[in-house]
Amino acid sequence: MIRLRAMTPRDIDSGVALTQQLHWPHRREDWQQALTFGAGTVAEHQGDYAGSALGFRWGEQAATLGLVIVSPRWQGQGIGKQLMLALLEQFPDYRLRLHATESGKPLYQKLGFAVTGQILQHQMRALAAVPALNMPAGFTLRPALPAEAQALTALDHLAHGLWRPALITHLIAAAHTRILLDAQQRVQGFASLRRFGHGWSIGPVIALNLASAQTLIAALMQTLRGEFVRIDTDASLPLAPWLKTLGLEQVDAPTIMVRGTPWAPQSGAMQAYGLMTQAMG
């Protein structure tokens, strides 16, 4: 009989081992970060770690689900459905978003999730050349300050409806987070560079337009020649063709699925050109 229970830090090593079996890139540090900002459910049978899933509560209306994973020897026995039902109980009346593999889509559709788009995962094992940093006249680029966490949280919310003050505060303190200002010192966007998976990940990338997103990404890439670089971007936004010109090839395209009314950014507002992670949005 399968038993479901809350995930604890003691489960991280089992989670890492399971993602390694499925060739997912998550390191122990990535699991630790996920459990810091989310809450997980573990499925086990007589102490055997059969699978797990995490949910991330971003405010009182929206959440993301991710790292839904079942051990190969337990697949096909309904464990993924049990894990998802346990997560759904935690978020009644929430707008829920996840990024589905092809094998996961049928289950999520049965649970009320609808396809709303696609995420394009771009990466390069060793960045061959850094892009030119073309700053518009009068614009400035600098590290984000701790005192700006509240303002950046509000901009992040406008882009995708997630309320993530603790995450934004963490990114300012522990990652390379840069903010782009125009000549009038108005924020045009911000982006973070941090360790993840095989090397470096750029995200979130929150910007008013493509040019601002490109400026932020180019700035964060300046020290990454020869490094592994990854960016996950929404296929509905025009960033992917530019990423290809930098040598970042598309390696995956998970499906965006939403349960509830999808978030629709207002015209002229910030947009999420890059994800934090596929699990955290």
Protein backbone atom coordinates (compact mmCIF):
# COMPACT_ATOMS: atom_id res chain seq x y z
CA MET A 1 0.00 0.00 0.00
CA ILE A 2 1.28 3.46 -0.94
CA ARG A 3 1.51 6.00 1.87
CA LEU A 4 1.56 9.75 1.23
CA ARG A 5 3.33 12.10 3.65
CA ALA A 6 4.86 15.57 3.77
CA MET A 7 8.32 15.94 2.29
CA THR A 8 11.14 16.86 4.68
CA PRO A 9 14.79 17.82 4.13
CA ARG A 10 15.68 14.17 4.81
CA ASP A 11 14.02 13.29 1.49
CA ILE A 12 16.29 15.47 -0.62
CA ASP A 13 18.88 12.77 -1.31
CA SER A 14 16.14 10.40 -2.52
CA GLY A 15 14.75 13.15 -4.74
CA VAL A 16 18.18 13.83 -6.23
CA ALA A 17 18.71 10.13 -6.92
CA LEU A 18 15.33 9.90 -8.63
CA THR A 19 15.91 12.92 -10.87
CA GLN A 20 19.31 11.50 -11.81
CA GLN A 21 17.64 8.24 -12.87
CA LEU A 22 15.41 10.22 -15.23
CA HIS A 23 18.32 12.39 -16.44
CA TRP A 24 16.92 15.63 -15.00
CA PRO A 25 19.67 18.16 -14.16
CA HIS A 26 18.69 19.03 -10.58
CA ARG A 27 21.50 19.11 -8.02
CA ARG A 28 21.07 18.70 -4.29
CA GLU A 29 21.21 22.50 -3.95
CA ASP A 30 18.36 22.85 -6.46
CA TRP A 31 16.20 20.46 -4.44
CA GLN A 32 17.05 22.36 -1.26
CA GLN A 33 15.99 25.63 -2.87
CA ALA A 34 12.75 24.09 -4.14
CA LEU A 35 11.87 22.81 -0.67
CA THR A 36 12.74 26.21 0.83
CA PHE A 37 10.08 27.96 -1.26
CA GLY A 38 7.64 25.09 -1.71
CA ALA A 39 6.03 22.17 0.11
CA GLY A 40 6.30 18.61 -1.11
CA THR A 41 4.42 15.35 -0.87
CA VAL A 42 6.21 11.99 -0.91
CA ALA A 43 4.74 8.63 -1.95
CA GLU A 44 6.41 5.65 -0.33
CA HIS A 45 5.90 1.92 0.11
CA GLN A 46 7.44 0.32 3.20
CA GLY A 47 10.15 2.99 3.20
CA ASP A 48 10.74 2.80 -0.55
CA TYR A 49 10.67 6.31 -2.10
CA ALA A 50 8.19 5.84 -4.95
CA GLY A 51 7.74 9.45 -6.05
CA SER A 52 7.15 13.04 -5.02
CA ALA A 53 5.67 16.36 -6.10
CA LEU A 54 6.01 19.96 -4.95
CA GLY A 55 3.66 22.91 -4.82
CA PHE A 56 4.66 26.57 -4.55
CA ARG A 57 2.19 28.99 -2.98
CA TRP A 58 2.68 32.44 -4.52
CA GLY A 59 0.18 34.60 -2.63
CA GLU A 60 -3.46 33.86 -1.93
CA GLN A 61 -4.63 33.19 -5.48
CA ALA A 62 -1.89 31.52 -7.51
CA ALA A 63 0.48 28.58 -7.20
CA THR A 64 2.76 26.53 -9.40
CA LEU A 65 3.30 22.77 -9.29
CA GLY A 66 6.47 20.96 -10.27
CA LEU A 67 8.99 18.20 -9.75
CA VAL A 68 6.16 15.70 -10.15
CA ILE A 69 8.22 12.56 -10.47
CA VAL A 70 7.62 8.82 -10.03
CA SER A 71 10.29 6.14 -9.76
CA PRO A 72 10.54 4.04 -12.94
CA ARG A 73 9.74 0.87 -10.99
CA TRP A 74 6.51 2.40 -9.67
CA GLN A 75 5.25 4.03 -12.87
CA GLY A 76 1.92 2.96 -14.29
CA GLN A 77 0.36 2.31 -10.88
CA GLY A 78 -1.48 5.60 -10.36
CA ILE A 79 1.07 7.16 -8.03
CA GLY A 80 1.35 10.34 -10.10
CA LYS A 81 -2.41 10.83 -9.78
CA GLN A 82 -2.29 10.30 -6.01
CA LEU A 83 0.48 12.88 -5.68
CA MET A 84 -1.39 15.40 -7.82
CA LEU A 85 -4.64 14.94 -5.89
CA ALA A 86 -2.74 15.54 -2.66
CA LEU A 87 -1.31 18.78 -4.07
CA LEU A 88 -4.70 19.96 -5.37
CA GLU A 89 -6.19 19.61 -1.89
CA GLN A 90 -3.66 22.18 -0.67
CA PHE A 91 -4.74 24.84 -3.18
CA PRO A 92 -8.55 25.07 -3.28
CA ASP A 93 -9.80 27.79 -5.64
CA TYR A 94 -6.23 28.70 -6.66
CA ARG A 95 -5.10 29.38 -10.21
CA LEU A 96 -2.59 26.58 -10.75
CA ARG A 97 0.12 26.35 -13.38
CA LEU A 98 2.50 23.56 -14.31
CA HIS A 99 4.76 22.62 -17.20
CA ALA A 100 3.94 19.17 -18.50
CA THR A 101 5.85 16.50 -20.33
CA GLU A 102 4.00 14.68 -23.10
CA SER A 103 3.56 11.66 -20.84
CA GLY A 104 2.08 13.80 -18.07
CA LYS A 105 -0.45 15.77 -20.15
CA PRO A 106 -3.27 13.17 -20.16
CA LEU A 107 -3.30 12.96 -16.35
CA TYR A 108 -3.27 16.73 -15.92
CA GLN A 109 -6.10 17.14 -18.43
CA LYS A 110 -8.21 14.65 -16.47
CA LEU A 111 -7.57 16.76 -13.35
CA GLY A 112 -8.92 19.93 -14.98
CA PHE A 113 -5.76 21.49 -16.43
CA ALA A 114 -5.96 23.05 -19.90
CA VAL A 115 -3.18 23.68 -22.40
CA THR A 116 -2.41 27.41 -22.64
CA GLY A 117 1.00 27.54 -24.32
CA GLN A 118 4.51 26.19 -24.42
CA ILE A 119 7.87 26.81 -22.76
CA LEU A 120 11.06 26.58 -24.83
CA GLN A 121 14.13 25.38 -22.94
CA HIS A 122 17.30 26.77 -24.54
CA GLN A 123 20.81 25.92 -23.42
CA MET A 124 24.43 25.66 -24.50
CA ARG A 125 27.05 23.46 -22.85
CA ALA A 126 29.84 25.99 -23.35
CA LEU A 127 28.89 29.54 -24.35
CA ALA A 128 31.10 30.26 -27.35
CA ALA A 129 30.84 34.04 -27.36
CA VAL A 130 29.13 36.61 -25.18
CA PRO A 131 26.61 38.86 -26.93
CA ALA A 132 27.26 42.54 -27.49
CA LEU A 133 25.84 44.73 -24.75
CA ASN A 134 23.95 47.47 -26.60
CA MET A 135 22.62 49.92 -24.04
CA PRO A 136 20.04 52.47 -25.26
CA ALA A 137 21.09 56.07 -24.77
CA GLY A 138 20.51 57.24 -21.20
CA PHE A 139 19.81 53.76 -19.86
CA THR A 140 21.69 52.38 -16.86
CA LEU A 141 22.22 48.86 -15.59
CA ARG A 142 23.18 48.08 -12.00
CA PRO A 143 22.78 45.47 -9.26
CA ALA A 144 19.34 45.40 -7.65
CA LEU A 145 19.32 46.67 -4.06
CA PRO A 146 17.66 45.01 -1.05
CA ALA A 147 15.48 48.08 -0.61
CA GLU A 148 14.03 47.46 -4.10
CA ALA A 149 12.64 44.00 -3.30
CA GLN A 150 9.10 45.26 -2.78
CA ALA A 151 9.06 47.20 -6.06
CA LEU A 152 10.51 44.28 -8.03
CA THR A 153 8.02 41.89 -6.43
CA ALA A 154 5.20 44.09 -7.72
CA LEU A 155 6.67 44.10 -11.24
CA ASP A 156 7.15 40.33 -11.10
CA HIS A 157 3.48 39.99 -10.11
CA LEU A 158 2.32 42.09 -13.06
CA ALA A 159 4.13 39.75 -15.45
CA HIS A 160 2.51 36.46 -14.41
CA GLY A 161 0.25 36.96 -11.39
CA LEU A 162 2.57 35.25 -8.89
CA TRP A 163 3.28 37.03 -5.59
CA ARG A 164 6.87 36.04 -4.67
CA PRO A 165 8.40 38.51 -2.16
CA ALA A 166 10.55 35.90 -0.38
CA LEU A 167 11.93 34.61 -3.68
CA ILE A 168 12.72 38.09 -5.02
CA THR A 169 14.42 39.04 -1.74
CA HIS A 170 16.51 35.87 -1.99
CA LEU A 171 17.50 36.58 -5.60
CA ILE A 172 18.69 40.08 -4.72
CA ALA A 173 20.74 38.76 -1.80
CA ALA A 174 22.10 35.48 -3.17
CA ALA A 175 22.10 35.71 -6.99
CA HIS A 176 23.45 38.16 -9.55
CA THR A 177 20.33 40.26 -10.02
CA ARG A 178 20.49 43.27 -12.32
CA ILE A 179 17.97 46.07 -12.85
CA LEU A 180 17.61 48.15 -16.03
CA LEU A 181 16.60 51.83 -15.74
CA ASP A 182 15.76 54.32 -18.48
CA ALA A 183 16.92 57.94 -18.64
CA GLN A 184 14.15 58.96 -16.24
CA GLN A 185 15.20 56.19 -13.79
CA ARG A 186 12.08 54.15 -14.50
CA VAL A 187 12.51 50.40 -14.23
CA GLN A 188 12.51 48.68 -17.62
CA GLY A 189 13.11 45.23 -16.20
CA PHE A 190 15.25 43.00 -14.03
CA ALA A 191 16.86 39.56 -14.33
CA SER A 192 18.85 37.11 -12.23
CA LEU A 193 21.80 34.80 -12.90
CA ARG A 194 22.30 31.83 -10.58
CA ARG A 195 23.72 28.35 -10.36
CA PHE A 196 21.31 25.63 -11.41
CA GLY A 197 21.60 22.17 -12.88
CA HIS A 198 24.62 21.71 -15.15
CA GLY A 199 25.88 25.28 -14.77
CA TRP A 200 24.21 28.68 -14.90
CA SER A 201 20.57 29.63 -15.41
CA ILE A 202 19.28 33.10 -16.32
CA GLY A 203 15.86 33.77 -14.88
CA PRO A 204 13.53 35.17 -13.99
CA VAL A 205 13.75 37.75 -16.77
CA ILE A 206 11.02 40.36 -16.25
CA ALA A 207 10.99 43.16 -18.81
CA LEU A 208 8.78 45.68 -20.57
CA ASN A 209 9.86 44.64 -24.06
CA LEU A 210 12.20 42.39 -26.03
CA ALA A 211 14.99 44.97 -26.24
CA SER A 212 15.10 45.35 -22.46
CA ALA A 213 15.07 41.57 -21.97
CA GLN A 214 17.97 41.23 -24.43
CA THR A 215 19.96 43.94 -22.65
CA LEU A 216 19.52 42.26 -19.28
CA ILE A 217 20.44 38.81 -20.60
CA ALA A 218 23.47 40.11 -22.49
CA ALA A 219 24.70 41.89 -19.36
CA LEU A 220 24.43 38.72 -17.27
CA MET A 221 26.25 36.69 -19.95
CA GLN A 222 29.35 38.87 -20.01
CA THR A 223 31.25 36.58 -17.61
CA LEU A 224 29.91 33.26 -18.93
CA ARG A 225 32.13 32.50 -21.92
CA GLY A 226 32.84 28.77 -21.91
CA GLU A 227 30.14 28.10 -19.27
CA PHE A 228 26.93 26.06 -19.44
CA VAL A 229 23.99 28.49 -19.83
CA ARG A 230 20.25 27.81 -19.75
CA ILE A 231 17.18 30.01 -20.28
CA ASP A 232 13.52 28.87 -20.28
CA THR A 233 11.26 31.24 -22.22
CA ASP A 234 7.58 31.42 -23.17
CA ALA A 235 7.07 30.47 -26.82
CA SER A 236 4.49 33.27 -27.21
CA LEU A 237 7.22 35.87 -26.63
CA PRO A 238 9.86 36.72 -29.27
CA LEU A 239 13.01 35.84 -27.28
CA ALA A 240 13.72 32.33 -28.62
CA PRO A 241 14.95 33.32 -32.13
CA TRP A 242 17.54 35.65 -30.57
CA LEU A 243 18.70 32.95 -28.15
CA LYS A 244 19.37 30.69 -31.13
CA THR A 245 21.63 33.33 -32.67
CA LEU A 246 23.72 33.14 -29.48
CA GLY A 247 24.12 29.38 -29.87
CA LEU A 248 21.55 28.38 -27.22
CA GLU A 249 19.69 25.54 -28.88
CA GLN A 250 16.18 24.45 -27.97
CA VAL A 251 16.38 21.10 -26.17
CA ASP A 252 12.88 20.73 -24.74
CA ALA A 253 9.39 22.23 -25.08
CA PRO A 254 7.14 21.40 -22.13
CA THR A 255 3.48 22.35 -22.33
CA ILE A 256 2.05 25.13 -20.17
CA MET A 257 -1.10 23.91 -18.43
CA VAL A 258 -3.38 25.94 -16.17
CA ARG A 259 -6.25 25.01 -13.86
CA GLY A 260 -8.41 28.10 -13.48
CA THR A 261 -8.41 31.35 -15.43
CA PRO A 262 -4.96 31.99 -17.02
CA TRP A 263 -3.17 35.19 -16.08
CA ALA A 264 -3.25 37.84 -18.81
CA PRO A 265 -0.68 40.65 -18.45
CA GLN A 266 -2.05 44.10 -19.21
CA SER A 267 -0.99 45.74 -22.45
CA GLY A 268 2.31 47.55 -21.98
CA ALA A 269 3.01 45.86 -18.64
CA MET A 270 5.98 43.71 -17.64
CA GLN A 271 6.23 40.26 -19.15
CA ALA A 272 8.11 37.14 -18.06
CA TYR A 273 10.66 36.56 -20.83
CA GLY A 274 12.46 33.97 -18.69
CA LEU A 275 11.33 31.59 -15.94
CA MET A 276 12.87 31.16 -12.52
CA THR A 277 12.53 27.40 -13.00
CA GLN A 278 9.91 25.24 -14.67
CA ALA A 279 8.65 24.24 -11.20
CA MET A 280 8.55 27.74 -9.69
CA GLY A 281 7.40 29.59 -12.81
